[in-house]
Amino acid sequence: MHQPTDPHQHSEGHTRSPEARAALIEEGLQARPPLPPIERLRELDRQLRAELDVLTPIVQKQADRMWRGDPDWYSCQRTLDAAAATLTEDLGAGLASAAQHVDKLARCLRDLDSYTTGART
């Protein structure tokens, strides 16, 4: 099992507490009817992307220390690949597509966060 590192340190030098990250994930996952205004979805998109940018290299380092044939390595790498693919997408043209994208970003963040908090076994 891996040792959790400090996933709360942002590249800009400020930190997001585990509680704040959990609240961000929860809000992203709640982007369902009635849908939030597009301005809020844009802000969630920005914040979720920033968190993914912080966690991705941390989780990648953990994956690099795993044995490549191990099922845990495959699971971790699949999580990293899904996050990378999701980061290439944008909000789309409408409110519904923006909400779906925010939901997808939040799920990726939740999955990456589970590697940094030791929640995975």
N, C-alpha and C. Protein backbone atom coordinates (compact mmCIF):
# COMPACT_ATOMS: atom_id res chain seq x y z
N MET A 1 0.83 -1.18 0.00
CA MET A 1 0.00 0.00 0.00
C MET A 1 0.88 1.24 0.00
N HIS A 2 0.42 2.30 -0.59
CA HIS A 2 1.20 3.51 -0.73
C HIS A 2 1.05 4.42 0.49
N GLN A 3 2.02 5.30 0.65
CA GLN A 3 1.95 6.29 1.70
C GLN A 3 1.34 7.57 1.16
N PRO A 4 0.31 8.14 1.82
CA PRO A 4 -0.25 9.39 1.35
C PRO A 4 0.80 10.49 1.40
N THR A 5 0.80 11.35 0.38
CA THR A 5 1.67 12.51 0.37
C THR A 5 0.82 13.74 0.62
N ASP A 6 1.39 14.92 0.48
CA ASP A 6 0.62 16.12 0.74
C ASP A 6 -0.08 16.58 -0.53
N PRO A 7 -1.32 16.09 -0.79
CA PRO A 7 -2.03 16.44 -2.01
C PRO A 7 -2.70 17.79 -1.93
N HIS A 8 -2.54 18.48 -0.82
CA HIS A 8 -3.27 19.73 -0.62
C HIS A 8 -2.42 20.94 -0.96
N GLN A 9 -1.16 20.72 -1.30
CA GLN A 9 -0.28 21.82 -1.65
C GLN A 9 -0.48 22.17 -3.12
N HIS A 10 -0.92 23.36 -3.39
CA HIS A 10 -1.14 23.81 -4.76
C HIS A 10 0.14 24.39 -5.32
N SER A 11 0.23 24.37 -6.63
CA SER A 11 1.42 24.92 -7.28
C SER A 11 1.53 26.41 -7.04
N GLU A 12 0.40 27.07 -6.77
CA GLU A 12 0.43 28.50 -6.50
C GLU A 12 0.87 28.79 -5.07
N GLY A 13 1.09 27.75 -4.27
CA GLY A 13 1.57 27.95 -2.92
C GLY A 13 0.49 27.92 -1.86
N HIS A 14 -0.78 27.93 -2.23
CA HIS A 14 -1.83 27.84 -1.22
C HIS A 14 -2.36 26.41 -1.17
N THR A 15 -3.08 26.11 -0.13
CA THR A 15 -3.56 24.75 0.05
C THR A 15 -5.07 24.71 0.12
N ARG A 16 -5.62 23.56 -0.22
CA ARG A 16 -7.05 23.30 -0.08
C ARG A 16 -7.15 22.18 0.94
N SER A 17 -7.93 22.39 1.96
CA SER A 17 -8.07 21.37 2.99
C SER A 17 -8.81 20.16 2.43
N PRO A 18 -8.65 19.00 3.08
CA PRO A 18 -9.40 17.82 2.63
C PRO A 18 -10.91 18.08 2.65
N GLU A 19 -11.38 18.83 3.62
CA GLU A 19 -12.80 19.14 3.69
C GLU A 19 -13.24 20.02 2.53
N ALA A 20 -12.41 21.00 2.18
CA ALA A 20 -12.74 21.88 1.05
C ALA A 20 -12.73 21.10 -0.26
N ARG A 21 -11.76 20.18 -0.40
CA ARG A 21 -11.72 19.36 -1.61
C ARG A 21 -12.95 18.46 -1.68
N ALA A 22 -13.34 17.87 -0.56
CA ALA A 22 -14.53 17.01 -0.53
C ALA A 22 -15.79 17.81 -0.88
N ALA A 23 -15.87 19.05 -0.38
CA ALA A 23 -17.02 19.90 -0.70
C ALA A 23 -17.05 20.25 -2.19
N LEU A 24 -15.88 20.49 -2.77
CA LEU A 24 -15.80 20.78 -4.20
C LEU A 24 -16.25 19.57 -5.02
N ILE A 25 -15.79 18.40 -4.64
CA ILE A 25 -16.20 17.17 -5.33
C ILE A 25 -17.71 17.00 -5.22
N GLU A 26 -18.23 17.15 -4.02
CA GLU A 26 -19.67 16.97 -3.80
C GLU A 26 -20.48 17.96 -4.64
N GLU A 27 -20.06 19.20 -4.67
CA GLU A 27 -20.80 20.19 -5.48
C GLU A 27 -20.73 19.83 -6.96
N GLY A 28 -19.57 19.38 -7.41
CA GLY A 28 -19.44 18.97 -8.81
C GLY A 28 -20.33 17.80 -9.15
N LEU A 29 -20.48 16.87 -8.22
CA LEU A 29 -21.34 15.71 -8.45
C LEU A 29 -22.81 16.05 -8.37
N GLN A 30 -23.15 17.18 -7.78
CA GLN A 30 -24.55 17.58 -7.63
C GLN A 30 -25.02 18.47 -8.78
N ALA A 31 -24.24 18.61 -9.81
CA ALA A 31 -24.61 19.46 -10.94
C ALA A 31 -25.66 18.77 -11.80
N ARG A 32 -26.86 18.65 -11.24
CA ARG A 32 -27.98 17.98 -11.91
C ARG A 32 -29.21 18.89 -11.80
N PRO A 33 -30.26 18.56 -12.55
CA PRO A 33 -31.45 19.43 -12.51
C PRO A 33 -31.97 19.62 -11.09
N PRO A 34 -32.35 20.83 -10.73
CA PRO A 34 -32.17 22.04 -11.54
C PRO A 34 -30.69 22.41 -11.62
N LEU A 35 -30.25 22.68 -12.82
CA LEU A 35 -28.84 22.92 -13.07
C LEU A 35 -28.39 24.28 -12.54
N PRO A 36 -27.14 24.33 -12.05
CA PRO A 36 -26.59 25.62 -11.62
C PRO A 36 -26.42 26.55 -12.83
N PRO A 37 -26.30 27.83 -12.58
CA PRO A 37 -26.03 28.76 -13.70
C PRO A 37 -24.70 28.43 -14.36
N ILE A 38 -24.59 28.77 -15.62
CA ILE A 38 -23.37 28.48 -16.38
C ILE A 38 -22.14 29.11 -15.74
N GLU A 39 -22.30 30.27 -15.11
CA GLU A 39 -21.16 30.92 -14.47
C GLU A 39 -20.61 30.04 -13.34
N ARG A 40 -21.50 29.40 -12.58
CA ARG A 40 -21.05 28.53 -11.50
C ARG A 40 -20.39 27.27 -12.07
N LEU A 41 -20.93 26.75 -13.16
CA LEU A 41 -20.32 25.58 -13.79
C LEU A 41 -18.94 25.91 -14.32
N ARG A 42 -18.76 27.10 -14.86
CA ARG A 42 -17.43 27.52 -15.32
C ARG A 42 -16.45 27.60 -14.16
N GLU A 43 -16.92 28.13 -13.04
CA GLU A 43 -16.06 28.24 -11.86
C GLU A 43 -15.72 26.85 -11.31
N LEU A 44 -16.69 25.96 -11.26
CA LEU A 44 -16.42 24.59 -10.82
C LEU A 44 -15.43 23.91 -11.76
N ASP A 45 -15.59 24.13 -13.06
CA ASP A 45 -14.67 23.57 -14.05
C ASP A 45 -13.25 24.05 -13.75
N ARG A 46 -13.09 25.33 -13.51
CA ARG A 46 -11.77 25.89 -13.22
C ARG A 46 -11.18 25.30 -11.94
N GLN A 47 -11.98 25.22 -10.89
CA GLN A 47 -11.49 24.71 -9.61
C GLN A 47 -11.17 23.22 -9.67
N LEU A 48 -12.04 22.46 -10.31
CA LEU A 48 -11.80 21.02 -10.42
C LEU A 48 -10.54 20.74 -11.24
N ARG A 49 -10.35 21.49 -12.32
CA ARG A 49 -9.15 21.32 -13.13
C ARG A 49 -7.89 21.65 -12.33
N ALA A 50 -7.96 22.69 -11.53
CA ALA A 50 -6.81 23.06 -10.70
C ALA A 50 -6.47 21.95 -9.72
N GLU A 51 -7.47 21.36 -9.11
CA GLU A 51 -7.24 20.26 -8.18
C GLU A 51 -6.69 19.03 -8.91
N LEU A 52 -7.22 18.73 -10.08
CA LEU A 52 -6.70 17.61 -10.86
C LEU A 52 -5.24 17.85 -11.24
N ASP A 53 -4.89 19.08 -11.56
CA ASP A 53 -3.50 19.41 -11.88
C ASP A 53 -2.57 19.19 -10.69
N VAL A 54 -3.09 19.39 -9.48
CA VAL A 54 -2.30 19.16 -8.27
C VAL A 54 -2.14 17.67 -8.01
N LEU A 55 -3.23 16.92 -8.10
CA LEU A 55 -3.19 15.51 -7.71
C LEU A 55 -2.57 14.59 -8.76
N THR A 56 -2.69 14.92 -10.03
CA THR A 56 -2.21 14.02 -11.08
C THR A 56 -0.73 13.65 -10.91
N PRO A 57 0.17 14.60 -10.73
CA PRO A 57 1.58 14.19 -10.59
C PRO A 57 1.85 13.40 -9.30
N ILE A 58 1.10 13.67 -8.26
CA ILE A 58 1.26 12.93 -7.01
C ILE A 58 0.88 11.48 -7.21
N VAL A 59 -0.28 11.26 -7.84
CA VAL A 59 -0.74 9.90 -8.06
C VAL A 59 0.15 9.20 -9.10
N GLN A 60 0.64 9.94 -10.08
CA GLN A 60 1.55 9.33 -11.07
C GLN A 60 2.82 8.83 -10.40
N LYS A 61 3.33 9.58 -9.44
CA LYS A 61 4.53 9.12 -8.71
C LYS A 61 4.22 7.84 -7.95
N GLN A 62 3.02 7.76 -7.38
CA GLN A 62 2.64 6.53 -6.68
C GLN A 62 2.56 5.36 -7.65
N ALA A 63 1.97 5.60 -8.82
CA ALA A 63 1.86 4.55 -9.83
C ALA A 63 3.25 4.10 -10.29
N ASP A 64 4.16 5.05 -10.42
CA ASP A 64 5.52 4.73 -10.87
C ASP A 64 6.25 3.83 -9.88
N ARG A 65 5.85 3.86 -8.61
CA ARG A 65 6.49 3.02 -7.59
C ARG A 65 5.84 1.63 -7.50
N MET A 66 4.73 1.44 -8.20
CA MET A 66 4.04 0.15 -8.16
C MET A 66 4.64 -0.80 -9.20
N TRP A 67 4.47 -2.08 -8.96
CA TRP A 67 4.87 -3.07 -9.95
C TRP A 67 3.90 -2.99 -11.12
N ARG A 68 4.43 -2.87 -12.33
CA ARG A 68 3.61 -2.63 -13.53
C ARG A 68 2.59 -3.71 -13.83
N GLY A 69 2.79 -4.91 -13.40
CA GLY A 69 1.85 -5.98 -13.68
C GLY A 69 0.76 -6.14 -12.63
N ASP A 70 0.87 -5.40 -11.56
CA ASP A 70 -0.06 -5.53 -10.44
C ASP A 70 -1.43 -4.95 -10.79
N PRO A 71 -2.50 -5.58 -10.36
CA PRO A 71 -3.84 -5.03 -10.61
C PRO A 71 -4.02 -3.62 -10.06
N ASP A 72 -3.34 -3.32 -8.93
CA ASP A 72 -3.42 -1.96 -8.38
C ASP A 72 -2.79 -0.94 -9.33
N TRP A 73 -1.70 -1.34 -9.99
CA TRP A 73 -1.07 -0.44 -10.96
C TRP A 73 -2.02 -0.16 -12.11
N TYR A 74 -2.66 -1.23 -12.63
CA TYR A 74 -3.60 -1.04 -13.73
C TYR A 74 -4.75 -0.13 -13.33
N SER A 75 -5.27 -0.32 -12.14
CA SER A 75 -6.36 0.52 -11.65
C SER A 75 -5.93 1.97 -11.52
N CYS A 76 -4.76 2.18 -10.95
CA CYS A 76 -4.24 3.53 -10.79
C CYS A 76 -3.99 4.18 -12.14
N GLN A 77 -3.38 3.45 -13.05
CA GLN A 77 -3.09 3.99 -14.38
C GLN A 77 -4.37 4.30 -15.14
N ARG A 78 -5.37 3.46 -15.00
CA ARG A 78 -6.67 3.70 -15.65
C ARG A 78 -7.30 5.00 -15.10
N THR A 79 -7.16 5.22 -13.80
CA THR A 79 -7.67 6.44 -13.18
C THR A 79 -6.93 7.66 -13.73
N LEU A 80 -5.62 7.56 -13.82
CA LEU A 80 -4.82 8.66 -14.38
C LEU A 80 -5.17 8.92 -15.84
N ASP A 81 -5.33 7.87 -16.62
CA ASP A 81 -5.68 8.02 -18.03
C ASP A 81 -7.05 8.67 -18.20
N ALA A 82 -8.00 8.27 -17.36
CA ALA A 82 -9.35 8.86 -17.44
C ALA A 82 -9.30 10.35 -17.10
N ALA A 83 -8.52 10.70 -16.10
CA ALA A 83 -8.40 12.12 -15.73
C ALA A 83 -7.75 12.91 -16.87
N ALA A 84 -6.70 12.37 -17.46
CA ALA A 84 -6.02 13.06 -18.56
C ALA A 84 -6.97 13.26 -19.74
N ALA A 85 -7.74 12.24 -20.06
CA ALA A 85 -8.70 12.36 -21.17
C ALA A 85 -9.78 13.38 -20.87
N THR A 86 -10.26 13.39 -19.66
CA THR A 86 -11.31 14.34 -19.28
C THR A 86 -10.80 15.77 -19.32
N LEU A 87 -9.55 15.97 -18.96
CA LEU A 87 -8.98 17.32 -18.99
C LEU A 87 -8.83 17.86 -20.41
N THR A 88 -8.88 17.01 -21.41
CA THR A 88 -8.78 17.49 -22.79
C THR A 88 -10.13 18.00 -23.31
N GLU A 89 -11.20 17.70 -22.57
CA GLU A 89 -12.54 18.10 -22.99
C GLU A 89 -12.89 19.47 -22.43
N ASP A 90 -13.89 20.10 -23.03
CA ASP A 90 -14.36 21.38 -22.51
C ASP A 90 -15.80 21.25 -22.04
N LEU A 91 -16.37 22.36 -21.62
CA LEU A 91 -17.72 22.35 -21.08
C LEU A 91 -18.80 22.05 -22.11
N GLY A 92 -18.50 22.24 -23.36
CA GLY A 92 -19.51 22.00 -24.39
C GLY A 92 -20.31 23.25 -24.69
N ALA A 93 -21.34 23.07 -25.48
CA ALA A 93 -22.10 24.22 -25.98
C ALA A 93 -23.31 24.59 -25.13
N GLY A 94 -23.75 23.72 -24.26
CA GLY A 94 -24.97 24.01 -23.52
C GLY A 94 -24.82 23.77 -22.03
N LEU A 95 -25.86 24.12 -21.31
CA LEU A 95 -25.88 23.98 -19.86
C LEU A 95 -25.81 22.50 -19.45
N ALA A 96 -26.56 21.65 -20.13
CA ALA A 96 -26.56 20.23 -19.78
C ALA A 96 -25.18 19.60 -20.02
N SER A 97 -24.55 19.93 -21.14
CA SER A 97 -23.22 19.35 -21.40
C SER A 97 -22.20 19.88 -20.40
N ALA A 98 -22.34 21.14 -19.99
CA ALA A 98 -21.44 21.70 -18.99
C ALA A 98 -21.60 20.98 -17.66
N ALA A 99 -22.84 20.72 -17.27
CA ALA A 99 -23.09 20.01 -16.01
C ALA A 99 -22.54 18.59 -16.08
N GLN A 100 -22.70 17.92 -17.19
CA GLN A 100 -22.16 16.56 -17.34
C GLN A 100 -20.64 16.56 -17.25
N HIS A 101 -20.03 17.57 -17.86
CA HIS A 101 -18.58 17.65 -17.83
C HIS A 101 -18.07 17.91 -16.41
N VAL A 102 -18.72 18.80 -15.69
CA VAL A 102 -18.33 19.09 -14.31
C VAL A 102 -18.47 17.82 -13.46
N ASP A 103 -19.53 17.07 -13.68
CA ASP A 103 -19.73 15.81 -12.98
C ASP A 103 -18.57 14.85 -13.27
N LYS A 104 -18.17 14.78 -14.51
CA LYS A 104 -17.08 13.89 -14.91
C LYS A 104 -15.75 14.32 -14.27
N LEU A 105 -15.49 15.64 -14.24
CA LEU A 105 -14.29 16.14 -13.58
C LEU A 105 -14.30 15.80 -12.09
N ALA A 106 -15.46 15.97 -11.46
CA ALA A 106 -15.58 15.69 -10.03
C ALA A 106 -15.33 14.21 -9.74
N ARG A 107 -15.83 13.34 -10.61
CA ARG A 107 -15.59 11.90 -10.43
C ARG A 107 -14.11 11.57 -10.57
N CYS A 108 -13.46 12.18 -11.54
CA CYS A 108 -12.02 11.96 -11.71
C CYS A 108 -11.25 12.45 -10.48
N LEU A 109 -11.63 13.61 -9.96
CA LEU A 109 -10.96 14.14 -8.79
C LEU A 109 -11.18 13.23 -7.58
N ARG A 110 -12.40 12.76 -7.41
CA ARG A 110 -12.69 11.84 -6.30
C ARG A 110 -11.83 10.58 -6.41
N ASP A 111 -11.71 10.05 -7.61
CA ASP A 111 -10.92 8.83 -7.81
C ASP A 111 -9.43 9.07 -7.54
N LEU A 112 -8.88 10.17 -8.04
CA LEU A 112 -7.48 10.48 -7.77
C LEU A 112 -7.26 10.75 -6.28
N ASP A 113 -8.18 11.47 -5.67
CA ASP A 113 -8.06 11.80 -4.26
C ASP A 113 -8.02 10.54 -3.40
N SER A 114 -8.73 9.51 -3.82
CA SER A 114 -8.74 8.27 -3.04
C SER A 114 -7.34 7.64 -2.98
N TYR A 115 -6.50 7.90 -3.97
CA TYR A 115 -5.13 7.40 -3.92
C TYR A 115 -4.27 8.21 -2.97
N THR A 116 -4.54 9.49 -2.83
CA THR A 116 -3.70 10.34 -1.98
C THR A 116 -4.08 10.26 -0.51
N THR A 117 -5.31 9.87 -0.23
CA THR A 117 -5.77 9.82 1.16
C THR A 117 -5.60 8.43 1.77
N GLY A 118 -5.20 7.46 0.95
CA GLY A 118 -5.07 6.09 1.45
C GLY A 118 -6.40 5.39 1.56
N ALA A 119 -7.44 5.92 0.92
CA ALA A 119 -8.77 5.33 0.98
C ALA A 119 -8.87 4.05 0.16
N ARG A 120 -7.93 3.84 -0.74
CA ARG A 120 -7.92 2.61 -1.56
C ARG A 120 -7.16 1.54 -0.82
N THR A 121 -7.59 0.32 -1.00
CA THR A 121 -6.88 -0.79 -0.35
C THR A 121 -6.22 -1.67 -1.38
